[in-house]
Amino acid sequence: MLSYDNAVWKSRYPNERRIPGEARMETATPLDIELTVFEEHRQEWSRKNLGKFKVIRGDTILEEFFDEYAVAFRAGLAAFGPHKIFLVKQIWKTEPVYFIA
């Protein structure tokens, strides 16, 4: 069974074989896995939870949907602690675009 990390790697490099123990330089951004997990669930979640917030750390997703950002953030702190990175993201069918003039 593939770990989520290997699944993400395979999705980025579908034609390459990963050799165990092989070092690979890759620029990772904070929350890269969390954003990928969010995108994988966006359609499903947007059917009944549009505008609500979801909390994700790695491939761990809190079950609840939150009406307010602050409540979701506090739930993330309670679940993961104040020294861990986690994502709180609002659910929309497509990402809003903002123009600042």
PDB file of N, CA and C in Angstrom:
ATOM      1  N   MET A   1       0.841  -1.179   0.000  1.00  0.00           N
ATOM      2  CA  MET A   1       0.000   0.000   0.000  1.00  0.00           C
ATOM      3  C   MET A   1       0.888   1.245   0.000  1.00  0.00           C
ATOM      4  N   LEU A   2       0.572   2.210  -0.841  1.00  0.00           N
ATOM      5  CA  LEU A   2       1.340   3.440  -0.926  1.00  0.00           C
ATOM      6  C   LEU A   2       0.980   4.363   0.215  1.00  0.00           C
ATOM      7  N   SER A   3       1.982   5.009   0.781  1.00  0.00           N
ATOM      8  CA  SER A   3       1.678   6.068   1.737  1.00  0.00           C
ATOM      9  C   SER A   3       1.241   7.273   0.925  1.00  0.00           C
ATOM     10  N   TYR A   4       0.620   8.226   1.585  1.00  0.00           N
ATOM     11  CA  TYR A   4       0.149   9.400   0.859  1.00  0.00           C
ATOM     12  C   TYR A   4       1.308  10.135   0.203  1.00  0.00           C
ATOM     13  N   ASP A   5       2.447  10.190   0.902  1.00  0.00           N
ATOM     14  CA  ASP A   5       3.615  10.864   0.365  1.00  0.00           C
ATOM     15  C   ASP A   5       4.038  10.242  -0.962  1.00  0.00           C
ATOM     16  N   ASN A   6       4.055   8.918  -1.031  1.00  0.00           N
ATOM     17  CA  ASN A   6       4.412   8.246  -2.282  1.00  0.00           C
ATOM     18  C   ASN A   6       3.369   8.497  -3.366  1.00  0.00           C
ATOM     19  N   ALA A   7       2.101   8.576  -2.970  1.00  0.00           N
ATOM     20  CA  ALA A   7       1.045   8.838  -3.945  1.00  0.00           C
ATOM     21  C   ALA A   7       1.219  10.234  -4.541  1.00  0.00           C
ATOM     22  N   VAL A   8       1.552  11.200  -3.709  1.00  0.00           N
ATOM     23  CA  VAL A   8       1.790  12.559  -4.201  1.00  0.00           C
ATOM     24  C   VAL A   8       2.983  12.560  -5.141  1.00  0.00           C
ATOM     25  N   TRP A   9       4.042  11.864  -4.763  1.00  0.00           N
ATOM     26  CA  TRP A   9       5.237  11.788  -5.595  1.00  0.00           C
ATOM     27  C   TRP A   9       4.901  11.185  -6.951  1.00  0.00           C
ATOM     28  N   LYS A  10       4.148  10.079  -6.945  1.00  0.00           N
ATOM     29  CA  LYS A  10       3.794   9.423  -8.216  1.00  0.00           C
ATOM     30  C   LYS A  10       2.930  10.324  -9.088  1.00  0.00           C
ATOM     31  N   SER A  11       2.063  11.145  -8.474  1.00  0.00           N
ATOM     32  CA  SER A  11       1.227  12.030  -9.280  1.00  0.00           C
ATOM     33  C   SER A  11       2.063  13.123  -9.943  1.00  0.00           C
ATOM     34  N   ARG A  12       3.167  13.513  -9.323  1.00  0.00           N
ATOM     35  CA  ARG A  12       4.033  14.540  -9.898  1.00  0.00           C
ATOM     36  C   ARG A  12       4.993  13.974 -10.932  1.00  0.00           C
ATOM     37  N   TYR A  13       5.427  12.733 -10.725  1.00  0.00           N
ATOM     38  CA  TYR A  13       6.408  12.099 -11.600  1.00  0.00           C
ATOM     39  C   TYR A  13       5.886  10.740 -12.054  1.00  0.00           C
ATOM     40  N   PRO A  14       4.836  10.718 -12.885  1.00  0.00           N
ATOM     41  CA  PRO A  14       4.191   9.447 -13.237  1.00  0.00           C
ATOM     42  C   PRO A  14       5.074   8.487 -14.039  1.00  0.00           C
ATOM     43  N   ASN A  15       6.072   8.997 -14.740  1.00  0.00           N
ATOM     44  CA  ASN A  15       6.899   8.137 -15.586  1.00  0.00           C
ATOM     45  C   ASN A  15       8.215   7.729 -14.939  1.00  0.00           C
ATOM     46  N   GLU A  16       8.411   8.085 -13.679  1.00  0.00           N
ATOM     47  CA  GLU A  16       9.658   7.761 -12.995  1.00  0.00           C
ATOM     48  C   GLU A  16       9.411   6.733 -11.897  1.00  0.00           C
ATOM     49  N   ARG A  17      10.394   5.887 -11.728  1.00  0.00           N
ATOM     50  CA  ARG A  17      10.345   4.899 -10.639  1.00  0.00           C
ATOM     51  C   ARG A  17      11.101   5.442  -9.451  1.00  0.00           C
ATOM     52  N   ARG A  18      10.517   5.331  -8.294  1.00  0.00           N
ATOM     53  CA  ARG A  18      11.184   5.801  -7.081  1.00  0.00           C
ATOM     54  C   ARG A  18      11.985   4.657  -6.490  1.00  0.00           C
ATOM     55  N   ILE A  19      13.265   4.896  -6.305  1.00  0.00           N
ATOM     56  CA  ILE A  19      14.148   3.882  -5.739  1.00  0.00           C
ATOM     57  C   ILE A  19      14.256   4.131  -4.241  1.00  0.00           C
ATOM     58  N   PRO A  20      13.926   3.128  -3.393  1.00  0.00           N
ATOM     59  CA  PRO A  20      14.002   3.328  -1.951  1.00  0.00           C
ATOM     60  C   PRO A  20      15.385   3.809  -1.529  1.00  0.00           C
ATOM     61  N   GLY A  21      15.419   4.814  -0.671  1.00  0.00           N
ATOM     62  CA  GLY A  21      16.675   5.345  -0.177  1.00  0.00           C
ATOM     63  C   GLY A  21      17.309   6.379  -1.077  1.00  0.00           C
ATOM     64  N   GLU A  22      16.756   6.575  -2.274  1.00  0.00           N
ATOM     65  CA  GLU A  22      17.313   7.537  -3.209  1.00  0.00           C
ATOM     66  C   GLU A  22      16.940   8.953  -2.759  1.00  0.00           C
ATOM     67  N   ALA A  23      17.926   9.812  -2.692  1.00  0.00           N
ATOM     68  CA  ALA A  23      17.676  11.209  -2.327  1.00  0.00           C
ATOM     69  C   ALA A  23      17.195  11.954  -3.560  1.00  0.00           C
ATOM     70  N   ARG A  24      16.231  12.810  -3.377  1.00  0.00           N
ATOM     71  CA  ARG A  24      15.717  13.595  -4.489  1.00  0.00           C
ATOM     72  C   ARG A  24      15.498  15.019  -3.987  1.00  0.00           C
ATOM     73  N   MET A  25      16.114  15.963  -4.653  1.00  0.00           N
ATOM     74  CA  MET A  25      15.916  17.352  -4.294  1.00  0.00           C
ATOM     75  C   MET A  25      14.585  17.807  -4.877  1.00  0.00           C
ATOM     76  N   GLU A  26      13.750  18.326  -4.029  1.00  0.00           N
ATOM     77  CA  GLU A  26      12.464  18.811  -4.485  1.00  0.00           C
ATOM     78  C   GLU A  26      12.091  20.014  -3.644  1.00  0.00           C
ATOM     79  N   THR A  27      11.599  21.034  -4.289  1.00  0.00           N
ATOM     80  CA  THR A  27      11.180  22.207  -3.551  1.00  0.00           C
ATOM     81  C   THR A  27       9.752  21.983  -3.088  1.00  0.00           C
ATOM     82  N   ALA A  28       9.594  21.816  -1.801  1.00  0.00           N
ATOM     83  CA  ALA A  28       8.265  21.630  -1.234  1.00  0.00           C
ATOM     84  C   ALA A  28       7.820  22.943  -0.614  1.00  0.00           C
ATOM     85  N   THR A  29       6.561  23.237  -0.779  1.00  0.00           N
ATOM     86  CA  THR A  29       6.020  24.424  -0.149  1.00  0.00           C
ATOM     87  C   THR A  29       5.254  24.010   1.093  1.00  0.00           C
ATOM     88  N   PRO A  30       5.209  24.869   2.091  1.00  0.00           N
ATOM     89  CA  PRO A  30       4.390  24.537   3.261  1.00  0.00           C
ATOM     90  C   PRO A  30       2.950  24.312   2.810  1.00  0.00           C
ATOM     91  N   LEU A  31       2.326  23.346   3.373  1.00  0.00           N
ATOM     92  CA  LEU A  31       0.923  23.007   3.121  1.00  0.00           C
ATOM     93  C   LEU A  31       0.682  22.382   1.747  1.00  0.00           C
ATOM     94  N   ASP A  32       1.717  21.934   1.066  1.00  0.00           N
ATOM     95  CA  ASP A  32       1.573  21.317  -0.253  1.00  0.00           C
ATOM     96  C   ASP A  32       0.662  20.079  -0.194  1.00  0.00           C
ATOM     97  N   ILE A  33       0.903  19.216   0.761  1.00  0.00           N
ATOM     98  CA  ILE A  33       0.085  18.002   0.894  1.00  0.00           C
ATOM     99  C   ILE A  33      -1.344  18.368   1.280  1.00  0.00           C
ATOM    100  N   GLU A  34      -1.491  19.310   2.215  1.00  0.00           N
ATOM    101  CA  GLU A  34      -2.830  19.707   2.662  1.00  0.00           C
ATOM    102  C   GLU A  34      -3.651  20.287   1.510  1.00  0.00           C
ATOM    103  N   LEU A  35      -3.027  21.105   0.684  1.00  0.00           N
ATOM    104  CA  LEU A  35      -3.738  21.678  -0.465  1.00  0.00           C
ATOM    105  C   LEU A  35      -4.116  20.605  -1.482  1.00  0.00           C
ATOM    106  N   THR A  36      -3.252  19.610  -1.659  1.00  0.00           N
ATOM    107  CA  THR A  36      -3.571  18.498  -2.560  1.00  0.00           C
ATOM    108  C   THR A  36      -4.754  17.706  -2.026  1.00  0.00           C
ATOM    109  N   VAL A  37      -4.748  17.423  -0.731  1.00  0.00           N
ATOM    110  CA  VAL A  37      -5.871  16.699  -0.099  1.00  0.00           C
ATOM    111  C   VAL A  37      -7.156  17.509  -0.264  1.00  0.00           C
ATOM    112  N   PHE A  38      -7.090  18.816  -0.026  1.00  0.00           N
ATOM    113  CA  PHE A  38      -8.265  19.666  -0.176  1.00  0.00           C
ATOM    114  C   PHE A  38      -8.827  19.585  -1.596  1.00  0.00           C
ATOM    115  N   GLU A  39      -7.949  19.711  -2.586  1.00  0.00           N
ATOM    116  CA  GLU A  39      -8.401  19.666  -3.982  1.00  0.00           C
ATOM    117  C   GLU A  39      -9.031  18.325  -4.339  1.00  0.00           C
ATOM    118  N   GLU A  40      -8.521  17.249  -3.764  1.00  0.00           N
ATOM    119  CA  GLU A  40      -9.085  15.928  -4.033  1.00  0.00           C
ATOM    120  C   GLU A  40     -10.511  15.801  -3.499  1.00  0.00           C
ATOM    121  N   HIS A  41     -10.862  16.565  -2.478  1.00  0.00           N
ATOM    122  CA  HIS A  41     -12.180  16.470  -1.848  1.00  0.00           C
ATOM    123  C   HIS A  41     -13.101  17.650  -2.159  1.00  0.00           C
ATOM    124  N   ARG A  42     -12.598  18.646  -2.880  1.00  0.00           N
ATOM    125  CA  ARG A  42     -13.361  19.879  -3.104  1.00  0.00           C
ATOM    126  C   ARG A  42     -14.763  19.630  -3.665  1.00  0.00           C
ATOM    127  N   GLN A  43     -14.889  18.855  -4.723  1.00  0.00           N
ATOM    128  CA  GLN A  43     -16.207  18.620  -5.338  1.00  0.00           C
ATOM    129  C   GLN A  43     -17.167  17.955  -4.357  1.00  0.00           C
ATOM    130  N   GLU A  44     -16.690  16.922  -3.683  1.00  0.00           N
ATOM    131  CA  GLU A  44     -17.521  16.200  -2.713  1.00  0.00           C
ATOM    132  C   GLU A  44     -18.007  17.135  -1.607  1.00  0.00           C
ATOM    133  N   TRP A  45     -17.090  17.906  -1.036  1.00  0.00           N
ATOM    134  CA  TRP A  45     -17.431  18.788   0.083  1.00  0.00           C
ATOM    135  C   TRP A  45     -18.315  19.945  -0.353  1.00  0.00           C
ATOM    136  N   SER A  46     -18.141  20.454  -1.560  1.00  0.00           N
ATOM    137  CA  SER A  46     -18.884  21.632  -1.997  1.00  0.00           C
ATOM    138  C   SER A  46     -20.357  21.316  -2.274  1.00  0.00           C
ATOM    139  N   ARG A  47     -20.699  20.056  -2.394  1.00  0.00           N
ATOM    140  CA  ARG A  47     -22.104  19.698  -2.642  1.00  0.00           C
ATOM    141  C   ARG A  47     -23.015  20.107  -1.487  1.00  0.00           C
ATOM    142  N   LYS A  48     -22.557  19.899  -0.247  1.00  0.00           N
ATOM    143  CA  LYS A  48     -23.415  20.167   0.911  1.00  0.00           C
ATOM    144  C   LYS A  48     -22.810  21.145   1.907  1.00  0.00           C
ATOM    145  N   ASN A  49     -21.580  21.576   1.702  1.00  0.00           N
ATOM    146  CA  ASN A  49     -20.889  22.393   2.708  1.00  0.00           C
ATOM    147  C   ASN A  49     -20.261  23.647   2.124  1.00  0.00           C
ATOM    148  N   LEU A  50     -20.869  24.205   1.096  1.00  0.00           N
ATOM    149  CA  LEU A  50     -20.344  25.390   0.439  1.00  0.00           C
ATOM    150  C   LEU A  50     -20.231  26.545   1.432  1.00  0.00           C
ATOM    151  N   GLY A  51     -19.069  27.192   1.461  1.00  0.00           N
ATOM    152  CA  GLY A  51     -18.841  28.327   2.335  1.00  0.00           C
ATOM    153  C   GLY A  51     -18.350  27.966   3.728  1.00  0.00           C
ATOM    154  N   LYS A  52     -18.354  26.682   4.060  1.00  0.00           N
ATOM    155  CA  LYS A  52     -17.875  26.254   5.381  1.00  0.00           C
ATOM    156  C   LYS A  52     -16.359  26.064   5.338  1.00  0.00           C
ATOM    157  N   PHE A  53     -15.765  25.850   6.500  1.00  0.00           N
ATOM    158  CA  PHE A  53     -14.316  25.706   6.616  1.00  0.00           C
ATOM    159  C   PHE A  53     -13.941  24.275   6.982  1.00  0.00           C
ATOM    160  N   LYS A  54     -12.799  23.821   6.458  1.00  0.00           N
ATOM    161  CA  LYS A  54     -12.280  22.481   6.734  1.00  0.00           C
ATOM    162  C   LYS A  54     -10.863  22.632   7.279  1.00  0.00           C
ATOM    163  N   VAL A  55     -10.477  21.722   8.194  1.00  0.00           N
ATOM    164  CA  VAL A  55      -9.149  21.731   8.808  1.00  0.00           C
ATOM    165  C   VAL A  55      -8.412  20.469   8.399  1.00  0.00           C
ATOM    166  N   ILE A  56      -7.176  20.640   7.868  1.00  0.00           N
ATOM    167  CA  ILE A  56      -6.385  19.517   7.356  1.00  0.00           C
ATOM    168  C   ILE A  56      -4.948  19.667   7.826  1.00  0.00           C
ATOM    169  N   ARG A  57      -4.354  18.554   8.278  1.00  0.00           N
ATOM    170  CA  ARG A  57      -2.910  18.498   8.572  1.00  0.00           C
ATOM    171  C   ARG A  57      -2.376  17.232   7.922  1.00  0.00           C
ATOM    172  N   GLY A  58      -1.472  17.379   6.954  1.00  0.00           N
ATOM    173  CA  GLY A  58      -0.974  16.212   6.220  1.00  0.00           C
ATOM    174  C   GLY A  58      -2.144  15.565   5.505  1.00  0.00           C
ATOM    175  N   ASP A  59      -2.340  14.283   5.743  1.00  0.00           N
ATOM    176  CA  ASP A  59      -3.515  13.622   5.169  1.00  0.00           C
ATOM    177  C   ASP A  59      -4.585  13.373   6.225  1.00  0.00           C
ATOM    178  N   THR A  60      -4.470  14.041   7.379  1.00  0.00           N
ATOM    179  CA  THR A  60      -5.468  13.950   8.438  1.00  0.00           C
ATOM    180  C   THR A  60      -6.471  15.086   8.267  1.00  0.00           C
ATOM    181  N   ILE A  61      -7.748  14.738   8.188  1.00  0.00           N
ATOM    182  CA  ILE A  61      -8.815  15.707   7.973  1.00  0.00           C
ATOM    183  C   ILE A  61      -9.752  15.648   9.172  1.00  0.00           C
ATOM    184  N   LEU A  62      -9.982  16.783   9.827  1.00  0.00           N
ATOM    185  CA  LEU A  62     -10.971  16.801  10.899  1.00  0.00           C
ATOM    186  C   LEU A  62     -12.347  16.567  10.289  1.00  0.00           C
ATOM    187  N   GLU A  63     -13.159  15.776  10.951  1.00  0.00           N
ATOM    188  CA  GLU A  63     -14.457  15.386  10.392  1.00  0.00           C
ATOM    189  C   GLU A  63     -15.446  16.536  10.273  1.00  0.00           C
ATOM    190  N   GLU A  64     -15.371  17.477  11.209  1.00  0.00           N
ATOM    191  CA  GLU A  64     -16.356  18.556  11.245  1.00  0.00           C
ATOM    192  C   GLU A  64     -16.165  19.555  10.119  1.00  0.00           C
ATOM    193  N   PHE A  65     -17.290  20.186   9.758  1.00  0.00           N
ATOM    194  CA  PHE A  65     -17.283  21.352   8.878  1.00  0.00           C
ATOM    195  C   PHE A  65     -17.642  22.534   9.778  1.00  0.00           C
ATOM    196  N   PHE A  66     -16.919  23.632   9.648  1.00  0.00           N
ATOM    197  CA  PHE A  66     -17.087  24.758  10.554  1.00  0.00           C
ATOM    198  C   PHE A  66     -17.686  25.950   9.824  1.00  0.00           C
ATOM    199  N   ASP A  67     -18.585  26.662  10.509  1.00  0.00           N
ATOM    200  CA  ASP A  67     -19.230  27.838   9.923  1.00  0.00           C
ATOM    201  C   ASP A  67     -18.330  29.064   9.955  1.00  0.00           C
ATOM    202  N   GLU A  68     -17.413  29.120  10.907  1.00  0.00           N
ATOM    203  CA  GLU A  68     -16.551  30.289  11.070  1.00  0.00           C
ATOM    204  C   GLU A  68     -15.085  29.890  11.082  1.00  0.00           C
ATOM    205  N   TYR A  69     -14.246  30.756  10.502  1.00  0.00           N
ATOM    206  CA  TYR A  69     -12.815  30.510  10.457  1.00  0.00           C
ATOM    207  C   TYR A  69     -12.229  30.364  11.863  1.00  0.00           C
ATOM    208  N   ALA A  70     -12.600  31.263  12.761  1.00  0.00           N
ATOM    209  CA  ALA A  70     -12.024  31.263  14.114  1.00  0.00           C
ATOM    210  C   ALA A  70     -12.322  29.952  14.845  1.00  0.00           C
ATOM    211  N   VAL A  71     -13.501  29.434  14.684  1.00  0.00           N
ATOM    212  CA  VAL A  71     -13.874  28.167  15.331  1.00  0.00           C
ATOM    213  C   VAL A  71     -13.064  27.024  14.726  1.00  0.00           C
ATOM    214  N   ALA A  72     -12.892  27.025  13.400  1.00  0.00           N
ATOM    215  CA  ALA A  72     -12.091  25.997  12.726  1.00  0.00           C
ATOM    216  C   ALA A  72     -10.633  26.076  13.166  1.00  0.00           C
ATOM    217  N   PHE A  73     -10.106  27.291  13.281  1.00  0.00           N
ATOM    218  CA  PHE A  73      -8.723  27.481  13.700  1.00  0.00           C
ATOM    219  C   PHE A  73      -8.506  26.951  15.122  1.00  0.00           C
ATOM    220  N   ARG A  74      -9.431  27.263  16.019  1.00  0.00           N
ATOM    221  CA  ARG A  74      -9.317  26.753  17.394  1.00  0.00           C
ATOM    222  C   ARG A  74      -9.398  25.230  17.432  1.00  0.00           C
ATOM    223  N   ALA A  75     -10.228  24.643  16.579  1.00  0.00           N
ATOM    224  CA  ALA A  75     -10.310  23.179  16.513  1.00  0.00           C
ATOM    225  C   ALA A  75      -8.989  22.594  16.024  1.00  0.00           C
ATOM    226  N   GLY A  76      -8.351  23.259  15.053  1.00  0.00           N
ATOM    227  CA  GLY A  76      -7.044  22.820  14.568  1.00  0.00           C
ATOM    228  C   GLY A  76      -5.988  22.902  15.653  1.00  0.00           C
ATOM    229  N   LEU A  77      -5.997  23.974  16.429  1.00  0.00           N
ATOM    230  CA  LEU A  77      -5.070  24.105  17.550  1.00  0.00           C
ATOM    231  C   LEU A  77      -5.291  23.006  18.585  1.00  0.00           C
ATOM    232  N   ALA A  78      -6.552  22.722  18.876  1.00  0.00           N
ATOM    233  CA  ALA A  78      -6.866  21.683  19.858  1.00  0.00           C
ATOM    234  C   ALA A  78      -6.445  20.303  19.362  1.00  0.00           C
ATOM    235  N   ALA A  79      -6.617  20.055  18.068  1.00  0.00           N
ATOM    236  CA  ALA A  79      -6.300  18.736  17.512  1.00  0.00           C
ATOM    237  C   ALA A  79      -4.807  18.530  17.281  1.00  0.00           C
ATOM    238  N   PHE A  80      -4.121  19.562  16.811  1.00  0.00           N
ATOM    239  CA  PHE A  80      -2.730  19.395  16.374  1.00  0.00           C
ATOM    240  C   PHE A  80      -1.708  20.128  17.232  1.00  0.00           C
ATOM    241  N   GLY A  81      -2.159  21.077  18.036  1.00  0.00           N
ATOM    242  CA  GLY A  81      -1.242  21.828  18.884  1.00  0.00           C
ATOM    243  C   GLY A  81      -0.787  23.113  18.224  1.00  0.00           C
ATOM    244  N   PRO A  82      -0.247  24.045  19.027  1.00  0.00           N
ATOM    245  CA  PRO A  82       0.123  25.354  18.505  1.00  0.00           C
ATOM    246  C   PRO A  82       1.427  25.387  17.702  1.00  0.00           C
ATOM    247  N   HIS A  83       2.199  24.315  17.735  1.00  0.00           N
ATOM    248  CA  HIS A  83       3.499  24.311  17.045  1.00  0.00           C
ATOM    249  C   HIS A  83       3.499  23.445  15.794  1.00  0.00           C
ATOM    250  N   LYS A  84       2.329  23.074  15.307  1.00  0.00           N
ATOM    251  CA  LYS A  84       2.197  22.268  14.090  1.00  0.00           C
ATOM    252  C   LYS A  84       1.515  23.087  13.007  1.00  0.00           C
ATOM    253  N   ILE A  85       1.916  22.853  11.774  1.00  0.00           N
ATOM    254  CA  ILE A  85       1.304  23.544  10.640  1.00  0.00           C
ATOM    255  C   ILE A  85       0.056  22.776  10.224  1.00  0.00           C
ATOM    256  N   PHE A  86      -1.042  23.500  10.035  1.00  0.00           N
ATOM    257  CA  PHE A  86      -2.262  22.894   9.509  1.00  0.00           C
ATOM    258  C   PHE A  86      -2.973  23.925   8.640  1.00  0.00           C
ATOM    259  N   LEU A  87      -3.874  23.438   7.804  1.00  0.00           N
ATOM    260  CA  LEU A  87      -4.597  24.286   6.862  1.00  0.00           C
ATOM    261  C   LEU A  87      -6.036  24.465   7.318  1.00  0.00           C
ATOM    262  N   VAL A  88      -6.504  25.700   7.298  1.00  0.00           N
ATOM    263  CA  VAL A  88      -7.926  26.003   7.473  1.00  0.00           C
ATOM    264  C   VAL A  88      -8.349  26.668   6.176  1.00  0.00           C
ATOM    265  N   LYS A  89      -9.265  26.039   5.451  1.00  0.00           N
ATOM    266  CA  LYS A  89      -9.621  26.556   4.119  1.00  0.00           C
ATOM    267  C   LYS A  89     -11.129  26.528   3.933  1.00  0.00           C
ATOM    268  N   GLN A  90     -11.628  27.611   3.349  1.00  0.00           N
ATOM    269  CA  GLN A  90     -13.055  27.700   3.060  1.00  0.00           C
ATOM    270  C   GLN A  90     -13.374  26.940   1.781  1.00  0.00           C
ATOM    271  N   ILE A  91     -14.524  26.311   1.765  1.00  0.00           N
ATOM    272  CA  ILE A  91     -14.925  25.448   0.652  1.00  0.00           C
ATOM    273  C   ILE A  91     -15.755  26.243  -0.355  1.00  0.00           C
ATOM    274  N   TRP A  92     -15.234  26.353  -1.568  1.00  0.00           N
ATOM    275  CA  TRP A  92     -15.935  26.946  -2.698  1.00  0.00           C
ATOM    276  C   TRP A  92     -15.788  26.003  -3.874  1.00  0.00           C
ATOM    277  N   LYS A  93     -16.697  26.080  -4.835  1.00  0.00           N
ATOM    278  CA  LYS A  93     -16.577  25.233  -6.024  1.00  0.00           C
ATOM    279  C   LYS A  93     -15.346  25.597  -6.833  1.00  0.00           C
ATOM    280  N   THR A  94     -15.047  26.887  -6.923  1.00  0.00           N
ATOM    281  CA  THR A  94     -13.833  27.373  -7.568  1.00  0.00           C
ATOM    282  C   THR A  94     -13.214  28.412  -6.643  1.00  0.00           C
ATOM    283  N   GLU A  95     -11.929  28.636  -6.802  1.00  0.00           N
ATOM    284  CA  GLU A  95     -11.242  29.623  -5.961  1.00  0.00           C
ATOM    285  C   GLU A  95     -11.676  31.028  -6.366  1.00  0.00           C
ATOM    286  N   PRO A  96     -12.059  31.852  -5.392  1.00  0.00           N
ATOM    287  CA  PRO A  96     -12.393  33.240  -5.730  1.00  0.00           C
ATOM    288  C   PRO A  96     -11.147  34.001  -6.176  1.00  0.00           C
ATOM    289  N   VAL A  97     -11.344  34.954  -7.058  1.00  0.00           N
ATOM    290  CA  VAL A  97     -10.256  35.800  -7.530  1.00  0.00           C
ATOM    291  C   VAL A  97     -10.552  37.218  -7.072  1.00  0.00           C
ATOM    292  N   TYR A  98      -9.569  37.839  -6.448  1.00  0.00           N
ATOM    293  CA  TYR A  98      -9.734  39.208  -5.945  1.00  0.00           C
ATOM    294  C   TYR A  98      -8.818  40.138  -6.713  1.00  0.00           C
ATOM    295  N   PHE A  99      -9.344  41.271  -7.127  1.00  0.00           N
ATOM    296  CA  PHE A  99      -8.557  42.297  -7.797  1.00  0.00           C
ATOM    297  C   PHE A  99      -8.403  43.463  -6.854  1.00  0.00           C
ATOM    298  N   ILE A 100      -7.189  43.920  -6.689  1.00  0.00           N
ATOM    299  CA  ILE A 100      -6.904  45.068  -5.834  1.00  0.00           C
ATOM    300  C   ILE A 100      -6.322  46.161  -6.721  1.00  0.00           C
ATOM    301  N   ALA A 101      -6.960  47.301  -6.718  1.00  0.00           N
ATOM    302  CA  ALA A 101      -6.487  48.390  -7.577  1.00  0.00           C
ATOM    303  C   ALA A 101      -5.858  49.492  -6.742  1.00  0.00           C
TER     304      ALA A 101
END
